[in-house]
Amino acid sequence: MNKKEIVGGVVHKLPPDLRDALISTPAALKLWNDITPLARNEWICWVTSGKKIETRGIRIEKALSKLKGGMRRPCCWAGCIHR
């Protein structure tokens, strides 16, 4: 496993499955490194708020796709309730 350091959010730490997905998707990682800590927090919270493991996997794939497309925050989501 790659030990590359990737920053997380303000409230949420970057979970290993999302971290590994970002490492394997350079275009998404590039934007991840450019967005604010609050924006990273929103992505992490959105991915981890799914109750089922299947939902989490779907959200990781959608996050990668959206980040590659230039989207800086999750769309159509009320936002992180933890901050």
N, C-alpha and C. Protein backbone atom coordinates (compact mmCIF):
# COMPACT_ATOMS: atom_id res chain seq x y z
N MET A 1 0.85 -1.18 0.00
CA MET A 1 0.00 0.00 0.00
C MET A 1 0.89 1.24 0.00
N ASN A 2 0.50 2.22 -0.74
CA ASN A 2 1.22 3.48 -0.83
C ASN A 2 1.02 4.28 0.45
N LYS A 3 2.10 4.82 1.03
CA LYS A 3 2.03 5.57 2.28
C LYS A 3 1.99 7.08 2.04
N LYS A 4 1.62 7.49 0.86
CA LYS A 4 1.57 8.91 0.51
C LYS A 4 0.62 9.65 1.44
N GLU A 5 1.07 10.78 1.96
CA GLU A 5 0.28 11.60 2.87
C GLU A 5 -0.71 12.46 2.07
N ILE A 6 -1.98 12.34 2.43
CA ILE A 6 -3.03 13.14 1.81
C ILE A 6 -3.82 13.78 2.94
N VAL A 7 -4.09 15.08 2.83
CA VAL A 7 -4.79 15.77 3.90
C VAL A 7 -6.27 15.44 3.89
N GLY A 8 -6.87 15.53 5.09
CA GLY A 8 -8.29 15.26 5.25
C GLY A 8 -9.07 16.55 5.37
N GLY A 9 -10.11 16.52 6.16
CA GLY A 9 -10.98 17.67 6.34
C GLY A 9 -10.72 18.39 7.64
N VAL A 10 -11.64 19.25 8.01
CA VAL A 10 -11.54 20.02 9.24
C VAL A 10 -11.95 19.16 10.43
N VAL A 11 -13.07 18.49 10.29
CA VAL A 11 -13.61 17.66 11.37
C VAL A 11 -13.30 16.20 11.14
N HIS A 12 -13.38 15.76 9.89
CA HIS A 12 -13.23 14.35 9.55
C HIS A 12 -11.83 14.04 9.04
N LYS A 13 -11.31 12.90 9.50
CA LYS A 13 -10.06 12.39 8.95
C LYS A 13 -10.38 11.61 7.68
N LEU A 14 -9.42 11.56 6.79
CA LEU A 14 -9.59 10.86 5.52
C LEU A 14 -9.60 9.35 5.77
N PRO A 15 -10.72 8.68 5.45
CA PRO A 15 -10.76 7.23 5.66
C PRO A 15 -9.88 6.49 4.65
N PRO A 16 -9.36 5.34 5.04
CA PRO A 16 -8.43 4.61 4.16
C PRO A 16 -9.00 4.26 2.79
N ASP A 17 -10.28 3.90 2.70
CA ASP A 17 -10.82 3.51 1.39
C ASP A 17 -10.91 4.71 0.44
N LEU A 18 -11.27 5.86 0.94
CA LEU A 18 -11.30 7.07 0.11
C LEU A 18 -9.88 7.51 -0.23
N ARG A 19 -8.97 7.41 0.72
CA ARG A 19 -7.57 7.76 0.49
C ARG A 19 -6.98 6.92 -0.65
N ASP A 20 -7.21 5.60 -0.57
CA ASP A 20 -6.68 4.71 -1.61
C ASP A 20 -7.29 5.01 -2.97
N ALA A 21 -8.58 5.32 -2.99
CA ALA A 21 -9.25 5.65 -4.25
C ALA A 21 -8.67 6.93 -4.84
N LEU A 22 -8.40 7.92 -4.01
CA LEU A 22 -7.82 9.17 -4.50
C LEU A 22 -6.42 8.94 -5.06
N ILE A 23 -5.63 8.14 -4.36
CA ILE A 23 -4.27 7.84 -4.82
C ILE A 23 -4.30 7.16 -6.19
N SER A 24 -5.29 6.31 -6.41
CA SER A 24 -5.36 5.59 -7.69
C SER A 24 -6.02 6.40 -8.80
N THR A 25 -6.45 7.63 -8.49
CA THR A 25 -7.10 8.48 -9.49
C THR A 25 -6.43 9.86 -9.48
N PRO A 26 -5.31 10.01 -10.20
CA PRO A 26 -4.53 11.24 -10.14
C PRO A 26 -5.31 12.52 -10.45
N ALA A 27 -6.24 12.48 -11.38
CA ALA A 27 -7.01 13.68 -11.73
C ALA A 27 -7.88 14.13 -10.55
N ALA A 28 -8.48 13.19 -9.84
CA ALA A 28 -9.29 13.52 -8.67
C ALA A 28 -8.38 14.01 -7.53
N LEU A 29 -7.24 13.38 -7.36
CA LEU A 29 -6.30 13.77 -6.31
C LEU A 29 -5.79 15.20 -6.53
N LYS A 30 -5.58 15.55 -7.78
CA LYS A 30 -5.10 16.90 -8.08
C LYS A 30 -6.10 17.95 -7.57
N LEU A 31 -7.38 17.77 -7.84
CA LEU A 31 -8.37 18.72 -7.35
C LEU A 31 -8.51 18.62 -5.84
N TRP A 32 -8.45 17.41 -5.28
CA TRP A 32 -8.53 17.21 -3.83
C TRP A 32 -7.48 18.07 -3.12
N ASN A 33 -6.29 18.10 -3.67
CA ASN A 33 -5.21 18.89 -3.07
C ASN A 33 -5.42 20.39 -3.25
N ASP A 34 -6.29 20.78 -4.16
CA ASP A 34 -6.53 22.19 -4.44
C ASP A 34 -7.73 22.76 -3.69
N ILE A 35 -8.65 21.91 -3.26
CA ILE A 35 -9.85 22.42 -2.59
C ILE A 35 -9.55 22.75 -1.12
N THR A 36 -10.45 23.51 -0.52
CA THR A 36 -10.26 23.95 0.87
C THR A 36 -10.46 22.79 1.84
N PRO A 37 -9.94 22.91 3.07
CA PRO A 37 -10.19 21.88 4.07
C PRO A 37 -11.69 21.68 4.35
N LEU A 38 -12.47 22.75 4.30
CA LEU A 38 -13.92 22.61 4.50
C LEU A 38 -14.56 21.82 3.36
N ALA A 39 -14.10 22.03 2.15
CA ALA A 39 -14.63 21.28 1.01
C ALA A 39 -14.25 19.81 1.12
N ARG A 40 -13.00 19.52 1.53
CA ARG A 40 -12.59 18.12 1.73
C ARG A 40 -13.45 17.48 2.82
N ASN A 41 -13.72 18.25 3.87
CA ASN A 41 -14.57 17.76 4.96
C ASN A 41 -15.95 17.36 4.44
N GLU A 42 -16.51 18.18 3.53
CA GLU A 42 -17.82 17.88 2.96
C GLU A 42 -17.80 16.56 2.19
N TRP A 43 -16.77 16.36 1.37
CA TRP A 43 -16.66 15.12 0.62
C TRP A 43 -16.54 13.92 1.55
N ILE A 44 -15.69 14.02 2.56
CA ILE A 44 -15.50 12.91 3.50
C ILE A 44 -16.81 12.58 4.22
N CYS A 45 -17.49 13.61 4.72
CA CYS A 45 -18.73 13.39 5.44
C CYS A 45 -19.78 12.77 4.52
N TRP A 46 -19.87 13.24 3.30
CA TRP A 46 -20.84 12.70 2.35
C TRP A 46 -20.57 11.22 2.09
N VAL A 47 -19.31 10.87 1.87
CA VAL A 47 -18.96 9.47 1.59
C VAL A 47 -19.25 8.59 2.81
N THR A 48 -18.88 9.04 3.99
CA THR A 48 -18.99 8.20 5.18
C THR A 48 -20.39 8.20 5.80
N SER A 49 -21.26 9.07 5.35
CA SER A 49 -22.60 9.13 5.94
C SER A 49 -23.54 8.04 5.41
N GLY A 50 -23.13 7.35 4.38
CA GLY A 50 -23.94 6.23 3.87
C GLY A 50 -23.96 5.09 4.89
N LYS A 51 -25.09 4.50 5.10
CA LYS A 51 -25.23 3.45 6.11
C LYS A 51 -24.72 2.09 5.64
N LYS A 52 -24.87 1.79 4.37
CA LYS A 52 -24.47 0.49 3.84
C LYS A 52 -23.11 0.58 3.17
N ILE A 53 -22.36 -0.52 3.21
CA ILE A 53 -21.06 -0.57 2.55
C ILE A 53 -21.20 -0.35 1.05
N GLU A 54 -22.29 -0.83 0.47
CA GLU A 54 -22.52 -0.63 -0.98
C GLU A 54 -22.70 0.85 -1.29
N THR A 55 -23.43 1.56 -0.42
CA THR A 55 -23.64 3.00 -0.62
C THR A 55 -22.32 3.74 -0.56
N ARG A 56 -21.49 3.37 0.40
CA ARG A 56 -20.19 4.01 0.54
C ARG A 56 -19.34 3.82 -0.72
N GLY A 57 -19.33 2.61 -1.26
CA GLY A 57 -18.58 2.35 -2.49
C GLY A 57 -19.10 3.16 -3.67
N ILE A 58 -20.40 3.25 -3.78
CA ILE A 58 -21.01 4.06 -4.84
C ILE A 58 -20.62 5.52 -4.67
N ARG A 59 -20.66 6.01 -3.44
CA ARG A 59 -20.32 7.42 -3.19
C ARG A 59 -18.86 7.71 -3.47
N ILE A 60 -17.99 6.76 -3.17
CA ILE A 60 -16.56 6.97 -3.49
C ILE A 60 -16.39 7.09 -5.00
N GLU A 61 -17.02 6.20 -5.77
CA GLU A 61 -16.91 6.26 -7.22
C GLU A 61 -17.49 7.57 -7.76
N LYS A 62 -18.63 8.00 -7.23
CA LYS A 62 -19.22 9.26 -7.66
C LYS A 62 -18.32 10.44 -7.29
N ALA A 63 -17.75 10.40 -6.10
CA ALA A 63 -16.85 11.48 -5.67
C ALA A 63 -15.66 11.60 -6.62
N LEU A 64 -15.06 10.47 -6.97
CA LEU A 64 -13.93 10.50 -7.89
C LEU A 64 -14.33 11.08 -9.24
N SER A 65 -15.48 10.66 -9.73
CA SER A 65 -15.97 11.16 -11.01
C SER A 65 -16.22 12.66 -10.96
N LYS A 66 -16.87 13.11 -9.90
CA LYS A 66 -17.18 14.53 -9.76
C LYS A 66 -15.92 15.37 -9.57
N LEU A 67 -14.98 14.87 -8.77
CA LEU A 67 -13.72 15.59 -8.58
C LEU A 67 -12.94 15.69 -9.90
N LYS A 68 -12.91 14.59 -10.66
CA LYS A 68 -12.24 14.62 -11.96
C LYS A 68 -12.88 15.63 -12.89
N GLY A 69 -14.18 15.84 -12.74
CA GLY A 69 -14.92 16.80 -13.56
C GLY A 69 -14.82 18.24 -13.06
N GLY A 70 -14.14 18.44 -11.93
CA GLY A 70 -13.94 19.80 -11.43
C GLY A 70 -14.90 20.23 -10.32
N MET A 71 -15.78 19.34 -9.88
CA MET A 71 -16.72 19.71 -8.82
C MET A 71 -15.99 19.78 -7.48
N ARG A 72 -16.11 20.92 -6.81
CA ARG A 72 -15.36 21.16 -5.59
C ARG A 72 -16.07 20.74 -4.31
N ARG A 73 -17.38 20.53 -4.36
CA ARG A 73 -18.17 20.08 -3.21
C ARG A 73 -19.27 19.14 -3.69
N PRO A 74 -19.74 18.26 -2.80
CA PRO A 74 -20.85 17.38 -3.20
C PRO A 74 -22.10 18.21 -3.53
N CYS A 75 -22.78 17.81 -4.56
CA CYS A 75 -23.98 18.53 -5.01
C CYS A 75 -25.23 17.95 -4.37
N CYS A 76 -26.20 18.81 -4.17
CA CYS A 76 -27.53 18.37 -3.72
C CYS A 76 -27.47 17.63 -2.40
N TRP A 77 -26.68 18.16 -1.46
CA TRP A 77 -26.53 17.56 -0.14
C TRP A 77 -26.52 18.69 0.86
N ALA A 78 -27.20 18.51 1.97
CA ALA A 78 -27.35 19.60 2.96
C ALA A 78 -26.01 20.03 3.56
N GLY A 79 -25.03 19.18 3.53
CA GLY A 79 -23.71 19.53 4.07
C GLY A 79 -23.43 18.82 5.37
N CYS A 80 -22.21 18.89 5.80
CA CYS A 80 -21.76 18.23 7.02
C CYS A 80 -22.43 18.84 8.24
N ILE A 81 -23.05 18.00 9.04
CA ILE A 81 -23.70 18.48 10.26
C ILE A 81 -22.73 18.53 11.43
N HIS A 82 -21.52 18.09 11.25
CA HIS A 82 -20.55 17.97 12.34
C HIS A 82 -19.69 19.20 12.57
N ARG A 83 -19.76 20.19 11.71
CA ARG A 83 -18.88 21.35 11.91
C ARG A 83 -19.57 22.47 12.62
